[in-house]
Amino acid sequence: MGEFDSKVILTVAPTGAWPTKKETPYVPLQPEEIADEVYACYQAGASIAHIHVRDDEGNASMSFEKFKETVKLIRERCDIVLNLTTSGGIGLTDDVRIKPFVELKPEMASFDCGSMNWQHSTVFENSPKFLEKLGQTMQEHEVKPEIEIFDAGMVYNALYYLKKGILKAPLHFQFVLGAAGGMAATVENLVFLKSLIPEGSTWSAFGIGKGHLPILYATLALGGHLRVGMEDNIFFAKGQLAKSNVEFVERTKRTVAEIGMEIATPDEARSMLGLKVPSNMNQ
């Protein structure tokens, strides 16, 4: 057995681009709220924090200043691995999407590997030109792409970019199941997607909404890593809002322990994913 065979990397995605205080009063939206929530999740055992920010009105945003403040507040308190989104809104310029990870030097950032009809209402655009620029910029700044997969064609896009040198092995995939416009959150779809990725890749998965727990259990059974949080699901149980992202982290930790495994520490996650320790840690 390998050194980390009994370890599961747990990402918490506390905010996302969608839920507002109207849907749940518990979602953290502003930098201090997000940092407090991330720190609490870190104390509960989370390995990675996937960060979105909002504007002052609570709308989806790629505001660099909001990212800067949020990252500073988190880094002052803990060494959780940071994974910044590059997709905090629709219709943004390439530079606006790229600047946060270039300037703030997180360990990871999202690489949404194709375009899709988002929520059957708009286009979530990730053009070939943008993805090439994104992958090359991530390599230049030693930020590892988390390759977001909403349907099977995006895996084949990733394989193309790997062949072209835009992405570098070993790849890390995040399977996103249950988004309207993407693949449904079924175990069959998860097994199929896992079968497509190159040997030596790492992967994680989550189901949106009611698909959350079935995909979590299936991912553990298949040897993958996990993501939880209000970005993907605001309900702890049917009709019961989660009062904190910590509730998801603690339940997942119990579930992982039941099968004789443990949640990876941030440093263990860095080793498992080949991440560079950021120079701005705890500053």
Protein backbone atom coordinates (compact mmCIF):
# COMPACT_ATOMS: atom_id res chain seq x y z
CA MET A 1 0.00 0.00 0.00
CA GLY A 2 1.11 3.55 -0.72
CA GLU A 3 1.72 6.14 1.96
CA PHE A 4 -1.58 7.89 1.33
CA ASP A 5 -3.83 4.98 0.34
CA SER A 6 -5.96 5.44 3.45
CA LYS A 7 -6.35 9.20 2.92
CA VAL A 8 -9.23 11.05 1.26
CA ILE A 9 -8.85 14.68 0.19
CA LEU A 10 -11.88 16.71 1.22
CA THR A 11 -12.65 19.99 -0.53
CA VAL A 12 -15.19 22.38 0.95
CA ALA A 13 -16.91 24.80 -1.43
CA PRO A 14 -18.65 27.16 0.99
CA THR A 15 -20.11 29.85 -1.27
CA GLY A 16 -20.36 29.25 -5.01
CA ALA A 17 -21.97 31.61 -7.47
CA TRP A 18 -25.61 30.88 -6.82
CA PRO A 19 -27.14 30.60 -3.33
CA THR A 20 -28.12 33.91 -1.77
CA LYS A 21 -29.31 34.81 1.71
CA LYS A 22 -32.83 34.43 0.30
CA GLU A 23 -32.31 30.72 -0.34
CA THR A 24 -30.40 30.18 2.91
CA PRO A 25 -29.34 32.72 5.54
CA TYR A 26 -26.35 30.51 6.36
CA VAL A 27 -24.35 30.85 3.14
CA PRO A 28 -21.19 32.97 3.61
CA LEU A 29 -20.93 35.71 0.98
CA GLN A 30 -18.48 38.40 2.09
CA PRO A 31 -14.74 37.95 2.80
CA GLU A 32 -14.94 37.87 6.59
CA GLU A 33 -17.87 35.44 6.49
CA ILE A 34 -16.12 33.20 3.97
CA ALA A 35 -12.84 33.24 5.92
CA ASP A 36 -14.62 32.42 9.19
CA GLU A 37 -16.42 29.53 7.52
CA VAL A 38 -13.29 28.20 5.84
CA TYR A 39 -11.37 28.35 9.11
CA ALA A 40 -14.14 26.47 10.90
CA CYS A 41 -14.12 23.83 8.14
CA TYR A 42 -10.33 23.59 8.40
CA GLN A 43 -10.63 23.00 12.14
CA ALA A 44 -13.21 20.30 11.41
CA GLY A 45 -10.75 18.59 9.06
CA ALA A 46 -11.21 19.92 5.50
CA SER A 47 -8.15 19.67 3.24
CA ILE A 48 -8.96 22.25 0.51
CA ALA A 49 -11.18 25.33 0.24
CA HIS A 50 -12.67 26.13 -3.18
CA ILE A 51 -13.25 29.88 -3.15
CA HIS A 52 -15.87 32.01 -4.92
CA VAL A 53 -16.54 35.61 -3.97
CA ARG A 54 -19.56 37.90 -4.27
CA ASP A 55 -20.04 41.61 -4.78
CA ASP A 56 -21.47 43.85 -2.06
CA GLU A 57 -25.00 42.92 -3.13
CA GLY A 58 -24.26 39.19 -2.92
CA ASN A 59 -24.11 38.58 -6.67
CA ALA A 60 -21.58 36.32 -8.40
CA SER A 61 -18.32 38.18 -8.93
CA MET A 62 -14.66 37.87 -9.92
CA SER A 63 -13.71 41.01 -7.97
CA PHE A 64 -9.98 40.86 -7.42
CA GLU A 65 -10.26 42.95 -4.25
CA LYS A 66 -12.77 40.50 -2.77
CA PHE A 67 -10.47 37.59 -3.59
CA LYS A 68 -7.48 39.43 -2.16
CA GLU A 69 -9.21 40.16 1.13
CA THR A 70 -10.63 36.65 1.43
CA VAL A 71 -7.31 34.93 0.73
CA LYS A 72 -5.49 37.23 3.19
CA LEU A 73 -7.98 36.51 5.96
CA ILE A 74 -7.74 32.75 5.42
CA ARG A 75 -3.95 32.65 5.08
CA GLU A 76 -3.56 34.58 8.35
CA ARG A 77 -5.39 31.85 10.22
CA CYS A 78 -4.61 28.47 8.66
CA ASP A 79 -2.73 26.49 6.02
CA ILE A 80 -5.73 24.96 4.22
CA VAL A 81 -5.05 24.42 0.50
CA LEU A 82 -6.66 27.19 -1.57
CA ASN A 83 -8.38 26.56 -4.89
CA LEU A 84 -9.68 29.77 -6.50
CA THR A 85 -12.43 29.71 -9.10
CA THR A 86 -11.82 31.15 -12.55
CA SER A 87 -15.56 31.08 -13.26
CA GLY A 88 -17.30 33.43 -10.86
CA GLY A 89 -19.74 34.79 -13.43
CA ILE A 90 -20.82 34.86 -17.07
CA GLY A 91 -19.40 37.06 -19.85
CA LEU A 92 -16.16 38.00 -18.10
CA THR A 93 -12.90 38.81 -19.87
CA ASP A 94 -10.01 36.34 -19.83
CA ASP A 95 -7.83 38.62 -17.73
CA VAL A 96 -10.51 39.15 -15.08
CA ARG A 97 -10.86 35.38 -14.72
CA ILE A 98 -7.11 34.76 -14.55
CA LYS A 99 -5.90 37.65 -12.37
CA PRO A 100 -6.87 36.24 -8.94
CA PHE A 101 -4.68 33.14 -9.18
CA VAL A 102 -1.84 34.99 -10.94
CA GLU A 103 -1.64 37.64 -8.23
CA LEU A 104 -2.62 35.67 -5.13
CA LYS A 105 -0.69 32.43 -5.80
CA PRO A 106 -3.10 29.75 -4.53
CA GLU A 107 -2.04 26.13 -4.90
CA MET A 108 -4.92 25.40 -7.31
CA ALA A 109 -7.49 27.05 -9.56
CA SER A 110 -10.41 25.73 -11.58
CA PHE A 111 -10.03 24.75 -15.24
CA ASP A 112 -13.56 24.27 -16.64
CA CYS A 113 -12.73 22.10 -19.61
CA GLY A 114 -15.32 23.21 -22.17
CA SER A 115 -18.42 25.31 -22.78
CA MET A 116 -21.98 24.29 -21.95
CA ASN A 117 -25.57 25.54 -21.90
CA TRP A 118 -25.68 26.55 -18.24
CA GLN A 119 -28.96 25.93 -16.42
CA HIS A 120 -30.71 25.86 -19.85
CA SER A 121 -30.63 29.64 -19.78
CA THR A 122 -27.21 30.96 -20.80
CA VAL A 123 -23.86 29.86 -22.18
CA PHE A 124 -21.02 29.07 -19.81
CA GLU A 125 -18.22 29.86 -22.23
CA ASN A 126 -14.75 28.38 -22.03
CA SER A 127 -13.39 28.84 -25.54
CA PRO A 128 -10.38 26.92 -26.87
CA LYS A 129 -8.40 30.18 -26.93
CA PHE A 130 -9.21 30.87 -23.28
CA LEU A 131 -8.43 27.33 -22.15
CA GLU A 132 -5.05 27.40 -23.89
CA LYS A 133 -4.23 30.73 -22.22
CA LEU A 134 -5.51 29.46 -18.88
CA GLY A 135 -3.47 26.25 -18.96
CA GLN A 136 -0.28 27.99 -20.02
CA THR A 137 -0.68 30.70 -17.38
CA MET A 138 -1.25 28.10 -14.68
CA GLN A 139 1.97 26.35 -15.67
CA GLU A 140 3.89 29.64 -15.60
CA HIS A 141 2.68 30.39 -12.08
CA GLU A 142 2.88 26.81 -10.75
CA VAL A 143 -0.84 26.69 -9.98
CA LYS A 144 -2.34 23.23 -10.46
CA PRO A 145 -5.50 23.06 -12.60
CA GLU A 146 -8.51 21.36 -11.09
CA ILE A 147 -10.08 20.11 -14.31
CA GLU A 148 -13.83 20.57 -13.93
CA ILE A 149 -15.83 17.99 -15.89
CA PHE A 150 -19.56 18.55 -16.48
CA ASP A 151 -19.89 16.02 -19.31
CA ALA A 152 -17.79 13.36 -21.01
CA GLY A 153 -16.65 15.55 -23.90
CA MET A 154 -14.76 17.69 -21.42
CA VAL A 155 -12.58 14.71 -20.48
CA TYR A 156 -11.63 14.34 -24.14
CA ASN A 157 -10.86 18.07 -24.26
CA ALA A 158 -8.50 17.56 -21.31
CA LEU A 159 -6.78 14.66 -23.08
CA TYR A 160 -6.29 16.89 -26.14
CA TYR A 161 -4.78 19.67 -24.03
CA LEU A 162 -2.55 17.13 -22.29
CA LYS A 163 -1.26 15.97 -25.67
CA LYS A 164 -0.69 19.59 -26.75
CA GLY A 165 1.20 20.47 -23.56
CA ILE A 166 -1.43 22.93 -22.31
CA LEU A 167 -2.01 20.59 -19.36
CA LYS A 168 0.67 18.51 -17.66
CA ALA A 169 0.37 15.06 -16.09
CA PRO A 170 -0.56 13.94 -13.56
CA LEU A 171 -3.98 15.52 -14.08
CA HIS A 172 -6.51 16.17 -11.33
CA PHE A 173 -10.19 15.93 -12.30
CA GLN A 174 -13.29 17.20 -10.51
CA PHE A 175 -16.45 15.49 -11.76
CA VAL A 176 -19.44 17.82 -11.42
CA LEU A 177 -22.66 15.83 -11.66
CA GLY A 178 -26.21 17.14 -11.61
CA ALA A 179 -25.77 20.61 -13.10
CA ALA A 180 -28.62 21.51 -15.45
CA GLY A 181 -27.07 21.30 -18.92
CA GLY A 182 -24.49 18.71 -17.83
CA MET A 183 -24.49 15.01 -16.94
CA ALA A 184 -26.97 13.79 -14.34
CA ALA A 185 -25.80 12.77 -10.88
CA THR A 186 -25.96 9.01 -11.33
CA VAL A 187 -23.53 6.32 -10.23
CA GLU A 188 -23.48 4.99 -13.80
CA ASN A 189 -22.28 8.37 -15.10
CA LEU A 190 -19.61 8.57 -12.41
CA VAL A 191 -18.26 5.11 -13.26
CA PHE A 192 -18.21 6.02 -16.97
CA LEU A 193 -16.33 9.29 -16.39
CA LYS A 194 -13.77 7.59 -14.15
CA SER A 195 -13.13 5.04 -16.91
CA LEU A 196 -12.05 7.81 -19.32
CA ILE A 197 -9.26 9.48 -17.35
CA PRO A 198 -5.57 8.60 -17.79
CA GLU A 199 -3.85 6.18 -15.46
CA GLY A 200 -2.03 8.07 -12.73
CA SER A 201 -4.63 10.84 -12.55
CA THR A 202 -6.28 11.86 -9.31
CA TRP A 203 -9.98 12.64 -9.18
CA SER A 204 -12.77 13.94 -7.03
CA ALA A 205 -16.53 14.09 -7.52
CA PHE A 206 -19.71 15.56 -6.14
CA GLY A 207 -23.42 15.53 -6.88
CA ILE A 208 -25.46 18.72 -6.82
CA GLY A 209 -28.53 18.91 -4.58
CA LYS A 210 -30.21 15.56 -3.95
CA GLY A 211 -27.36 13.81 -5.76
CA HIS A 212 -24.94 14.84 -3.02
CA LEU A 213 -24.94 11.74 -0.82
CA PRO A 214 -25.29 9.03 -3.51
CA ILE A 215 -22.31 10.44 -5.41
CA LEU A 216 -20.32 10.88 -2.19
CA TYR A 217 -20.81 7.22 -1.25
CA ALA A 218 -20.08 6.01 -4.77
CA THR A 219 -16.94 8.15 -4.99
CA LEU A 220 -15.59 6.63 -1.80
CA ALA A 221 -16.35 3.14 -3.10
CA LEU A 222 -14.49 3.89 -6.34
CA GLY A 223 -11.42 5.35 -4.61
CA GLY A 224 -11.97 9.04 -5.37
CA HIS A 225 -11.74 12.23 -3.37
CA LEU A 226 -14.65 14.34 -2.16
CA ARG A 227 -16.17 17.80 -2.26
CA VAL A 228 -18.98 19.17 -0.10
CA GLY A 229 -20.42 22.59 0.62
CA MET A 230 -23.19 25.09 0.03
CA GLU A 231 -21.97 25.84 -3.50
CA ASP A 232 -23.40 22.44 -4.44
CA ASN A 233 -26.09 21.72 -1.87
CA ILE A 234 -27.70 23.89 0.81
CA PHE A 235 -29.67 21.07 2.48
CA PHE A 236 -28.19 18.80 5.14
CA ALA A 237 -31.22 16.53 4.88
CA LYS A 238 -34.53 16.65 3.02
CA GLY A 239 -36.17 19.96 3.92
CA GLN A 240 -33.42 20.80 6.45
CA LEU A 241 -31.04 23.62 5.60
CA ALA A 242 -27.44 23.14 6.65
CA LYS A 243 -26.60 25.78 9.25
CA SER A 244 -22.91 25.70 8.38
CA ASN A 245 -20.59 24.10 5.86
CA VAL A 246 -18.99 22.49 8.90
CA GLU A 247 -21.98 20.15 9.13
CA PHE A 248 -21.09 18.68 5.73
CA VAL A 249 -17.41 18.34 6.68
CA GLU A 250 -18.18 16.59 9.96
CA ARG A 251 -20.64 14.14 8.37
CA THR A 252 -18.14 13.32 5.64
CA LYS A 253 -15.41 12.74 8.21
CA ARG A 254 -17.67 10.28 10.03
CA THR A 255 -18.52 8.51 6.78
CA VAL A 256 -14.87 8.23 5.77
CA ALA A 257 -13.96 6.87 9.22
CA GLU A 258 -16.63 4.17 8.89
CA ILE A 259 -14.69 2.62 5.99
CA GLY A 260 -11.37 2.79 7.81
CA MET A 261 -10.00 5.89 6.10
CA GLU A 262 -9.10 9.44 7.15
CA ILE A 263 -9.40 12.93 5.70
CA ALA A 264 -6.04 14.18 4.44
CA THR A 265 -4.46 17.14 6.18
CA PRO A 266 -3.67 20.13 3.95
CA ASP A 267 0.00 19.11 3.82
CA GLU A 268 -0.93 15.53 2.94
CA ALA A 269 -3.19 16.86 0.18
CA ARG A 270 -0.29 18.93 -1.16
CA SER A 271 1.88 15.82 -1.32
CA MET A 272 -0.86 13.72 -2.93
CA LEU A 273 -1.56 16.32 -5.62
CA GLY A 274 2.01 17.53 -6.14
CA LEU A 275 1.22 21.08 -5.06
CA LYS A 276 3.70 23.84 -4.38
CA VAL A 277 3.59 25.32 -0.89
CA PRO A 278 2.62 28.98 -1.41
CA SER A 279 5.15 31.63 -0.42
CA ASN A 280 2.42 33.79 1.16
CA MET A 281 1.38 31.19 3.73
CA ASN A 282 0.42 32.68 7.10
CA GLN A 283 1.47 36.19 6.16
